[in-house]
Amino acid sequence: MTFPLVMTAAVDPKGMPGLSVNDVSERANQYLGTLRFYLENPAVPQIVFVENSGYDLAAFRELATQYPDKQIEFLSCDRNDYPRHLGKSYGEMWILDYVVDTSQSVQAASGFTKVTGRFPILNIAELLQEAEQRRPWELFCDNKDHPVYDWLQLGWNGHACDTRFFLVTTDFYRKHFYGRYTELDDSQGKLVESLFFQVARDTARTEKVVRRFRTEPQYSGKAGHVQISIIGVNDYDSRTAKTKRAIRRIARKLLPWFWF
């Protein structure tokens, strides 16, 4: 895969509400562990690590020197002081705009693979292989789109795009996503997952968009959000999370039309 892996990070949450981990040192160690995972993964030759709270990246740069065969670009900015009620969605999209504008690696490759930097994707190699096999596309993402939660009146969203991992060309990003962080407000339910779902659905008819993976992503570690329900867990290594992934892995093969 020729696209660099963009790891987004906000080491200092600066009072962001609704986070599962708020301690700066704990968050820094989680980001360091995830960076090490990708540095050691042969499927990831090139990394862009972008941090948006102005945190000192000396320890991250030191870690990177231990892997001279890897290409790694560090970007640092201080964009995590916006109104807290806007939430993580606003910051996530704003930092990606910064990457598209600033990263020499992304500009040279004309696209990027995005991962959330605080937890690794254990089967990243398998996902990247699928992305390569299913070219051509301009957006490669994974959507759930089912009415089960609506039928059960649970109040959960069964129509969303998973923005923890996706691939996109810079042309597509600039055309459909750039600058749209201003539309997001977590306190009003205007989430980045809904924005990506809308764009992927609306453009799939006329542009090259993959909306559903054949491979179930295998996340590890602890998600950024607090646990919202019995099945909506934030510990990706828990038994519940592993059971959900197993069910979804089977469903992708046996019921590929059911986007659960």
C-alpha atoms as a PDB file:
ATOM      1  CA  MET A   1       0.000   0.000   0.000  1.00  0.00           C
ATOM      2  CA  THR A   2       1.508   3.303  -1.100  1.00  0.00           C
ATOM      3  CA  PHE A   3      -0.539   5.519   1.221  1.00  0.00           C
ATOM      4  CA  PRO A   4       1.120   6.588   4.497  1.00  0.00           C
ATOM      5  CA  LEU A   5      -0.572   5.580   7.729  1.00  0.00           C
ATOM      6  CA  VAL A   6      -1.838   8.721   9.476  1.00  0.00           C
ATOM      7  CA  MET A   7      -2.049   8.302  13.250  1.00  0.00           C
ATOM      8  CA  THR A   8      -4.136  11.028  14.883  1.00  0.00           C
ATOM      9  CA  ALA A   9      -3.396  11.922  18.498  1.00  0.00           C
ATOM     10  CA  ALA A  10      -4.507  14.308  21.234  1.00  0.00           C
ATOM     11  CA  VAL A  11      -2.262  13.514  24.194  1.00  0.00           C
ATOM     12  CA  ASP A  12      -3.617  16.317  26.368  1.00  0.00           C
ATOM     13  CA  PRO A  13      -7.447  16.226  26.184  1.00  0.00           C
ATOM     14  CA  LYS A  14      -7.676  19.617  27.931  1.00  0.00           C
ATOM     15  CA  GLY A  15     -10.954  18.880  29.655  1.00  0.00           C
ATOM     16  CA  MET A  16     -12.734  17.137  26.797  1.00  0.00           C
ATOM     17  CA  PRO A  17     -15.881  15.556  28.290  1.00  0.00           C
ATOM     18  CA  GLY A  18     -16.961  11.951  27.847  1.00  0.00           C
ATOM     19  CA  LEU A  19     -13.504  10.377  27.576  1.00  0.00           C
ATOM     20  CA  SER A  20     -12.603   6.990  29.018  1.00  0.00           C
ATOM     21  CA  VAL A  21      -8.986   8.060  29.671  1.00  0.00           C
ATOM     22  CA  ASN A  22      -8.164  11.619  30.755  1.00  0.00           C
ATOM     23  CA  ASP A  23      -4.728  11.248  32.357  1.00  0.00           C
ATOM     24  CA  VAL A  24      -2.093  12.793  30.076  1.00  0.00           C
ATOM     25  CA  SER A  25       0.719  10.397  30.988  1.00  0.00           C
ATOM     26  CA  GLU A  26      -1.528   7.359  30.507  1.00  0.00           C
ATOM     27  CA  ARG A  27      -2.677   8.643  27.138  1.00  0.00           C
ATOM     28  CA  ALA A  28       0.916   9.339  26.084  1.00  0.00           C
ATOM     29  CA  ASN A  29       1.913   5.770  26.948  1.00  0.00           C
ATOM     30  CA  GLN A  30      -1.021   4.402  24.964  1.00  0.00           C
ATOM     31  CA  TYR A  31      -0.013   6.434  21.915  1.00  0.00           C
ATOM     32  CA  LEU A  32       3.597   5.310  22.308  1.00  0.00           C
ATOM     33  CA  GLY A  33       2.525   1.680  22.487  1.00  0.00           C
ATOM     34  CA  THR A  34       0.390   1.998  19.372  1.00  0.00           C
ATOM     35  CA  LEU A  35       3.176   3.775  17.490  1.00  0.00           C
ATOM     36  CA  ARG A  36       5.555   0.957  18.427  1.00  0.00           C
ATOM     37  CA  PHE A  37       3.016  -1.598  17.157  1.00  0.00           C
ATOM     38  CA  TYR A  38       2.887   0.029  13.722  1.00  0.00           C
ATOM     39  CA  LEU A  39       6.648   0.602  13.604  1.00  0.00           C
ATOM     40  CA  GLU A  40       7.125  -3.127  14.147  1.00  0.00           C
ATOM     41  CA  ASN A  41       4.477  -4.111  11.593  1.00  0.00           C
ATOM     42  CA  PRO A  42       5.966  -4.929   8.164  1.00  0.00           C
ATOM     43  CA  ALA A  43       2.660  -4.013   6.468  1.00  0.00           C
ATOM     44  CA  VAL A  44       3.175  -0.359   7.449  1.00  0.00           C
ATOM     45  CA  PRO A  45       6.281   1.141   5.807  1.00  0.00           C
ATOM     46  CA  GLN A  46       5.350   4.810   6.220  1.00  0.00           C
ATOM     47  CA  ILE A  47       3.746   6.674   9.141  1.00  0.00           C
ATOM     48  CA  VAL A  48       2.550  10.222   9.733  1.00  0.00           C
ATOM     49  CA  PHE A  49       2.070  10.875  13.453  1.00  0.00           C
ATOM     50  CA  VAL A  50       0.054  14.051  14.027  1.00  0.00           C
ATOM     51  CA  GLU A  51      -0.627  15.450  17.507  1.00  0.00           C
ATOM     52  CA  ASN A  52      -3.020  18.369  18.045  1.00  0.00           C
ATOM     53  CA  SER A  53      -2.543  19.476  21.670  1.00  0.00           C
ATOM     54  CA  GLY A  54       0.999  20.832  21.444  1.00  0.00           C
ATOM     55  CA  TYR A  55       2.418  17.973  23.512  1.00  0.00           C
ATOM     56  CA  ASP A  56       6.199  17.477  23.444  1.00  0.00           C
ATOM     57  CA  LEU A  57       6.904  14.624  21.011  1.00  0.00           C
ATOM     58  CA  ALA A  58      10.508  13.997  22.101  1.00  0.00           C
ATOM     59  CA  ALA A  59       9.731  10.501  23.413  1.00  0.00           C
ATOM     60  CA  PHE A  60       7.930   9.632  20.170  1.00  0.00           C
ATOM     61  CA  ARG A  61      10.838  10.850  18.039  1.00  0.00           C
ATOM     62  CA  GLU A  62      13.246   8.847  20.195  1.00  0.00           C
ATOM     63  CA  LEU A  63      11.157   5.715  19.693  1.00  0.00           C
ATOM     64  CA  ALA A  64      11.173   6.233  15.914  1.00  0.00           C
ATOM     65  CA  THR A  65      15.003   6.285  15.837  1.00  0.00           C
ATOM     66  CA  GLN A  66      14.935   2.618  16.846  1.00  0.00           C
ATOM     67  CA  TYR A  67      13.324   1.770  13.482  1.00  0.00           C
ATOM     68  CA  PRO A  68      15.590   3.339  10.842  1.00  0.00           C
ATOM     69  CA  ASP A  69      13.960   1.307   8.074  1.00  0.00           C
ATOM     70  CA  LYS A  70      10.607   3.061   8.604  1.00  0.00           C
ATOM     71  CA  GLN A  71       9.673   6.402   7.096  1.00  0.00           C
ATOM     72  CA  ILE A  72       7.992   8.549   9.741  1.00  0.00           C
ATOM     73  CA  GLU A  73       6.869  12.148   9.670  1.00  0.00           C
ATOM     74  CA  PHE A  74       5.888  13.993  12.851  1.00  0.00           C
ATOM     75  CA  LEU A  75       3.405  16.852  12.775  1.00  0.00           C
ATOM     76  CA  SER A  76       2.559  18.930  15.819  1.00  0.00           C
ATOM     77  CA  CYS A  77      -0.013  21.664  16.244  1.00  0.00           C
ATOM     78  CA  ASP A  78      -2.050  23.232  19.030  1.00  0.00           C
ATOM     79  CA  ARG A  79      -5.643  22.900  17.850  1.00  0.00           C
ATOM     80  CA  ASN A  80      -7.229  21.327  20.905  1.00  0.00           C
ATOM     81  CA  ASP A  81      -8.476  24.504  22.562  1.00  0.00           C
ATOM     82  CA  TYR A  82     -11.802  24.839  20.732  1.00  0.00           C
ATOM     83  CA  PRO A  83     -15.083  24.891  22.749  1.00  0.00           C
ATOM     84  CA  ARG A  84     -15.356  21.566  24.581  1.00  0.00           C
ATOM     85  CA  HIS A  85     -19.023  20.982  23.756  1.00  0.00           C
ATOM     86  CA  LEU A  86     -18.097  20.484  20.090  1.00  0.00           C
ATOM     87  CA  GLY A  87     -16.446  17.220  21.084  1.00  0.00           C
ATOM     88  CA  LYS A  88     -14.014  14.802  19.461  1.00  0.00           C
ATOM     89  CA  SER A  89     -15.659  14.843  16.021  1.00  0.00           C
ATOM     90  CA  TYR A  90     -14.769  18.504  15.482  1.00  0.00           C
ATOM     91  CA  GLY A  91     -11.157  17.973  16.522  1.00  0.00           C
ATOM     92  CA  GLU A  92     -10.752  14.796  14.481  1.00  0.00           C
ATOM     93  CA  MET A  93     -11.822  16.432  11.229  1.00  0.00           C
ATOM     94  CA  TRP A  94      -9.882  19.624  11.930  1.00  0.00           C
ATOM     95  CA  ILE A  95      -6.666  17.675  12.455  1.00  0.00           C
ATOM     96  CA  LEU A  96      -7.198  15.768   9.192  1.00  0.00           C
ATOM     97  CA  ASP A  97      -7.533  19.071   7.343  1.00  0.00           C
ATOM     98  CA  TYR A  98      -4.194  20.026   8.887  1.00  0.00           C
ATOM     99  CA  VAL A  99      -2.645  16.771   7.678  1.00  0.00           C
ATOM    100  CA  VAL A 100      -3.866  17.281   4.115  1.00  0.00           C
ATOM    101  CA  ASP A 101      -2.494  20.835   4.121  1.00  0.00           C
ATOM    102  CA  THR A 102       0.807  20.110   5.853  1.00  0.00           C
ATOM    103  CA  SER A 103       2.045  16.536   5.465  1.00  0.00           C
ATOM    104  CA  GLN A 104       4.654  16.130   2.755  1.00  0.00           C
ATOM    105  CA  SER A 105       4.158  12.348   2.846  1.00  0.00           C
ATOM    106  CA  VAL A 106       0.416  12.618   2.244  1.00  0.00           C
ATOM    107  CA  GLN A 107       0.829  15.181  -0.494  1.00  0.00           C
ATOM    108  CA  ALA A 108       3.415  13.016  -2.261  1.00  0.00           C
ATOM    109  CA  ALA A 109       1.200   9.920  -2.050  1.00  0.00           C
ATOM    110  CA  SER A 110      -2.038  11.752  -2.981  1.00  0.00           C
ATOM    111  CA  GLY A 111      -3.895   9.956  -0.200  1.00  0.00           C
ATOM    112  CA  PHE A 112      -3.650   8.424   3.241  1.00  0.00           C
ATOM    113  CA  THR A 113      -4.723   5.603   5.529  1.00  0.00           C
ATOM    114  CA  LYS A 114      -6.248   6.973   8.727  1.00  0.00           C
ATOM    115  CA  VAL A 115      -6.117   5.204  12.081  1.00  0.00           C
ATOM    116  CA  THR A 116      -6.972   6.448  15.552  1.00  0.00           C
ATOM    117  CA  GLY A 117      -3.639   6.623  17.322  1.00  0.00           C
ATOM    118  CA  ARG A 118      -4.457   5.377  20.824  1.00  0.00           C
ATOM    119  CA  PHE A 119      -5.288   1.760  20.003  1.00  0.00           C
ATOM    120  CA  PRO A 120      -3.802  -0.592  17.390  1.00  0.00           C
ATOM    121  CA  ILE A 121      -5.631  -2.564  14.709  1.00  0.00           C
ATOM    122  CA  LEU A 122      -4.228  -6.063  15.091  1.00  0.00           C
ATOM    123  CA  ASN A 123      -5.179  -7.210  11.572  1.00  0.00           C
ATOM    124  CA  ILE A 124      -4.081  -4.032   9.797  1.00  0.00           C
ATOM    125  CA  ALA A 125      -2.154  -6.119   7.232  1.00  0.00           C
ATOM    126  CA  GLU A 126      -5.291  -8.028   6.216  1.00  0.00           C
ATOM    127  CA  LEU A 127      -7.309  -4.819   5.909  1.00  0.00           C
ATOM    128  CA  LEU A 128      -4.656  -3.123   3.784  1.00  0.00           C
ATOM    129  CA  GLN A 129      -4.461  -6.191   1.573  1.00  0.00           C
ATOM    130  CA  GLU A 130      -8.205  -6.063   1.013  1.00  0.00           C
ATOM    131  CA  ALA A 131      -8.008  -2.365   0.188  1.00  0.00           C
ATOM    132  CA  GLU A 132      -5.326  -3.091  -2.409  1.00  0.00           C
ATOM    133  CA  GLN A 133      -7.301  -5.958  -3.951  1.00  0.00           C
ATOM    134  CA  ARG A 134     -10.465  -3.864  -4.289  1.00  0.00           C
ATOM    135  CA  ARG A 135      -8.928  -0.949  -6.134  1.00  0.00           C
ATOM    136  CA  PRO A 136      -9.816   1.352  -7.813  1.00  0.00           C
ATOM    137  CA  TRP A 137     -11.568   3.494  -5.204  1.00  0.00           C
ATOM    138  CA  GLU A 138     -11.310   7.012  -3.866  1.00  0.00           C
ATOM    139  CA  LEU A 139     -12.781   6.220  -0.454  1.00  0.00           C
ATOM    140  CA  PHE A 140     -12.418   2.834   1.238  1.00  0.00           C
ATOM    141  CA  CYS A 141     -14.490   2.754   4.412  1.00  0.00           C
ATOM    142  CA  ASP A 142     -16.753   0.549   6.498  1.00  0.00           C
ATOM    143  CA  ASN A 143     -20.415   1.347   7.145  1.00  0.00           C
ATOM    144  CA  LYS A 144     -23.114  -0.213   9.248  1.00  0.00           C
ATOM    145  CA  ASP A 145     -26.554   0.371   7.779  1.00  0.00           C
ATOM    146  CA  HIS A 146     -29.391  -1.642   9.307  1.00  0.00           C
ATOM    147  CA  PRO A 147     -32.781  -0.981  10.967  1.00  0.00           C
ATOM    148  CA  VAL A 148     -32.433  -3.350  13.932  1.00  0.00           C
ATOM    149  CA  TYR A 149     -31.880  -0.622  16.537  1.00  0.00           C
ATOM    150  CA  ASP A 150     -34.777   1.334  15.049  1.00  0.00           C
ATOM    151  CA  TRP A 151     -37.092  -1.687  15.246  1.00  0.00           C
ATOM    152  CA  LEU A 152     -36.124  -2.292  18.884  1.00  0.00           C
ATOM    153  CA  GLN A 153     -36.410   1.441  19.699  1.00  0.00           C
ATOM    154  CA  LEU A 154     -33.053   1.369  21.475  1.00  0.00           C
ATOM    155  CA  GLY A 155     -32.019   4.867  20.464  1.00  0.00           C
ATOM    156  CA  TRP A 156     -28.671   3.662  19.072  1.00  0.00           C
ATOM    157  CA  ASN A 157     -27.401   4.568  15.622  1.00  0.00           C
ATOM    158  CA  GLY A 158     -27.489   1.737  13.103  1.00  0.00           C
ATOM    159  CA  HIS A 159     -26.466   3.993  10.211  1.00  0.00           C
ATOM    160  CA  ALA A 160     -22.887   5.220  10.576  1.00  0.00           C
ATOM    161  CA  CYS A 161     -19.409   4.993   9.106  1.00  0.00           C
ATOM    162  CA  ASP A 162     -16.540   3.680  11.212  1.00  0.00           C
ATOM    163  CA  THR A 163     -13.961   6.485  11.153  1.00  0.00           C
ATOM    164  CA  ARG A 164     -11.396   4.634  13.257  1.00  0.00           C
ATOM    165  CA  PHE A 165      -9.931   3.250  10.019  1.00  0.00           C
ATOM    166  CA  PHE A 166     -10.385   4.291   6.403  1.00  0.00           C
ATOM    167  CA  LEU A 167      -8.392   5.124   3.277  1.00  0.00           C
ATOM    168  CA  VAL A 168      -9.033   8.135   1.069  1.00  0.00           C
ATOM    169  CA  THR A 169      -7.421  10.032  -1.780  1.00  0.00           C
ATOM    170  CA  THR A 170      -6.580  13.652  -1.064  1.00  0.00           C
ATOM    171  CA  ASP A 171      -8.673  14.779  -4.029  1.00  0.00           C
ATOM    172  CA  PHE A 172     -11.757  13.036  -2.637  1.00  0.00           C
ATOM    173  CA  TYR A 173     -11.064  14.346   0.856  1.00  0.00           C
ATOM    174  CA  ARG A 174     -10.742  17.927  -0.340  1.00  0.00           C
ATOM    175  CA  LYS A 175     -13.868  17.658  -2.466  1.00  0.00           C
ATOM    176  CA  HIS A 176     -16.157  16.120   0.150  1.00  0.00           C
ATOM    177  CA  PHE A 177     -14.685  16.559   3.652  1.00  0.00           C
ATOM    178  CA  TYR A 178     -12.296  19.492   3.774  1.00  0.00           C
ATOM    179  CA  GLY A 179     -13.519  22.342   5.982  1.00  0.00           C
ATOM    180  CA  ARG A 180     -16.610  20.467   7.133  1.00  0.00           C
ATOM    181  CA  TYR A 181     -15.406  20.186  10.721  1.00  0.00           C
ATOM    182  CA  THR A 182     -17.386  23.394  11.257  1.00  0.00           C
ATOM    183  CA  GLU A 183     -20.606  21.381  10.755  1.00  0.00           C
ATOM    184  CA  LEU A 184     -19.809  18.995  13.639  1.00  0.00           C
ATOM    185  CA  ASP A 185     -21.012  19.311  17.217  1.00  0.00           C
ATOM    186  CA  ASP A 186     -21.104  16.222  19.425  1.00  0.00           C
ATOM    187  CA  SER A 187     -23.451  17.921  21.892  1.00  0.00           C
ATOM    188  CA  GLN A 188     -26.017  18.236  19.092  1.00  0.00           C
ATOM    189  CA  GLY A 189     -25.499  14.722  17.732  1.00  0.00           C
ATOM    190  CA  LYS A 190     -23.641  16.018  14.664  1.00  0.00           C
ATOM    191  CA  LEU A 191     -20.934  13.354  14.613  1.00  0.00           C
ATOM    192  CA  VAL A 192     -18.067  12.606  12.262  1.00  0.00           C
ATOM    193  CA  GLU A 193     -19.416   9.060  11.795  1.00  0.00           C
ATOM    194  CA  SER A 194     -22.675  10.472  10.434  1.00  0.00           C
ATOM    195  CA  LEU A 195     -20.890  12.893   8.107  1.00  0.00           C
ATOM    196  CA  PHE A 196     -18.795  10.098   6.599  1.00  0.00           C
ATOM    197  CA  PHE A 197     -21.855   7.867   6.276  1.00  0.00           C
ATOM    198  CA  GLN A 198     -23.740  10.571   4.396  1.00  0.00           C
ATOM    199  CA  VAL A 199     -20.857  11.309   2.049  1.00  0.00           C
ATOM    200  CA  ALA A 200     -20.125   7.624   1.360  1.00  0.00           C
ATOM    201  CA  ARG A 201     -23.798   6.871   0.665  1.00  0.00           C
ATOM    202  CA  ASP A 202     -24.393   9.897  -1.540  1.00  0.00           C
ATOM    203  CA  THR A 203     -21.215   9.593  -3.623  1.00  0.00           C
ATOM    204  CA  ALA A 204     -21.248   5.803  -4.111  1.00  0.00           C
ATOM    205  CA  ARG A 205     -23.562   6.170  -7.129  1.00  0.00           C
ATOM    206  CA  THR A 206     -21.241   8.442  -9.097  1.00  0.00           C
ATOM    207  CA  GLU A 207     -17.745   7.983  -7.625  1.00  0.00           C
ATOM    208  CA  LYS A 208     -15.530   5.068  -6.705  1.00  0.00           C
ATOM    209  CA  VAL A 209     -16.442   4.333  -3.108  1.00  0.00           C
ATOM    210  CA  VAL A 210     -16.212   1.095  -1.118  1.00  0.00           C
ATOM    211  CA  ARG A 211     -18.743   1.284   1.712  1.00  0.00           C
ATOM    212  CA  ARG A 212     -18.332  -2.116   3.368  1.00  0.00           C
ATOM    213  CA  PHE A 213     -15.297  -4.211   4.310  1.00  0.00           C
ATOM    214  CA  ARG A 214     -15.182  -7.956   3.845  1.00  0.00           C
ATOM    215  CA  THR A 215     -12.735  -8.058   6.754  1.00  0.00           C
ATOM    216  CA  GLU A 216     -13.780  -7.369  10.349  1.00  0.00           C
ATOM    217  CA  PRO A 217     -11.288  -4.913  11.926  1.00  0.00           C
ATOM    218  CA  GLN A 218      -9.706  -6.282  15.088  1.00  0.00           C
ATOM    219  CA  TYR A 219      -9.157  -3.394  17.480  1.00  0.00           C
ATOM    220  CA  SER A 220      -7.203  -3.693  20.712  1.00  0.00           C
ATOM    221  CA  GLY A 221      -6.867  -1.481  23.771  1.00  0.00           C
ATOM    222  CA  LYS A 222      -9.384   0.990  25.136  1.00  0.00           C
ATOM    223  CA  ALA A 223     -11.575   3.299  23.052  1.00  0.00           C
ATOM    224  CA  GLY A 224     -11.761   7.015  23.713  1.00  0.00           C
ATOM    225  CA  HIS A 225     -15.453   7.089  24.611  1.00  0.00           C
ATOM    226  CA  VAL A 226     -17.041   5.956  27.845  1.00  0.00           C
ATOM    227  CA  GLN A 227     -19.082   2.751  27.742  1.00  0.00           C
ATOM    228  CA  ILE A 228     -22.600   3.627  26.568  1.00  0.00           C
ATOM    229  CA  SER A 229     -24.404   0.286  26.792  1.00  0.00           C
ATOM    230  CA  ILE A 230     -23.998  -3.394  27.607  1.00  0.00           C
ATOM    231  CA  ILE A 231     -22.903  -4.174  24.050  1.00  0.00           C
ATOM    232  CA  GLY A 232     -21.406  -0.754  23.283  1.00  0.00           C
ATOM    233  CA  VAL A 233     -18.187  -1.480  25.160  1.00  0.00           C
ATOM    234  CA  ASN A 234     -15.030   0.626  25.084  1.00  0.00           C
ATOM    235  CA  ASP A 235     -12.597  -2.136  26.069  1.00  0.00           C
ATOM    236  CA  TYR A 236     -11.735  -3.787  22.772  1.00  0.00           C
ATOM    237  CA  ASP A 237     -10.001  -6.675  24.545  1.00  0.00           C
ATOM    238  CA  SER A 238     -13.039  -7.582  26.662  1.00  0.00           C
ATOM    239  CA  ARG A 239     -14.989 -10.793  26.147  1.00  0.00           C
ATOM    240  CA  THR A 240     -18.032  -8.818  25.002  1.00  0.00           C
ATOM    241  CA  ALA A 241     -16.032  -6.958  22.361  1.00  0.00           C
ATOM    242  CA  LYS A 242     -14.402 -10.140  21.103  1.00  0.00           C
ATOM    243  CA  THR A 243     -17.799 -11.849  20.886  1.00  0.00           C
ATOM    244  CA  LYS A 244     -19.215  -8.939  18.871  1.00  0.00           C
ATOM    245  CA  ARG A 245     -16.303  -9.108  16.461  1.00  0.00           C
ATOM    246  CA  ALA A 246     -16.721 -12.862  16.042  1.00  0.00           C
ATOM    247  CA  ILE A 247     -20.424 -12.465  15.217  1.00  0.00           C
ATOM    248  CA  ARG A 248     -19.709  -9.679  12.766  1.00  0.00           C
ATOM    249  CA  ARG A 249     -16.876 -11.635  11.162  1.00  0.00           C
ATOM    250  CA  ILE A 250     -19.240 -14.531  10.482  1.00  0.00           C
ATOM    251  CA  ALA A 251     -22.024 -12.210   9.292  1.00  0.00           C
ATOM    252  CA  ARG A 252     -19.731 -10.536   6.763  1.00  0.00           C
ATOM    253  CA  LYS A 253     -19.199 -13.916   5.103  1.00  0.00           C
ATOM    254  CA  LEU A 254     -22.632 -15.514   5.463  1.00  0.00           C
ATOM    255  CA  LEU A 255     -24.831 -12.399   5.261  1.00  0.00           C
ATOM    256  CA  PRO A 256     -22.802  -9.859   3.255  1.00  0.00           C
ATOM    257  CA  TRP A 257     -25.966  -7.850   2.529  1.00  0.00           C
ATOM    258  CA  PHE A 258     -26.643  -7.316   6.264  1.00  0.00           C
ATOM    259  CA  TRP A 259     -24.452  -4.378   7.287  1.00  0.00           C
ATOM    260  CA  PHE A 260     -24.507  -4.838  11.044  1.00  0.00           C
END
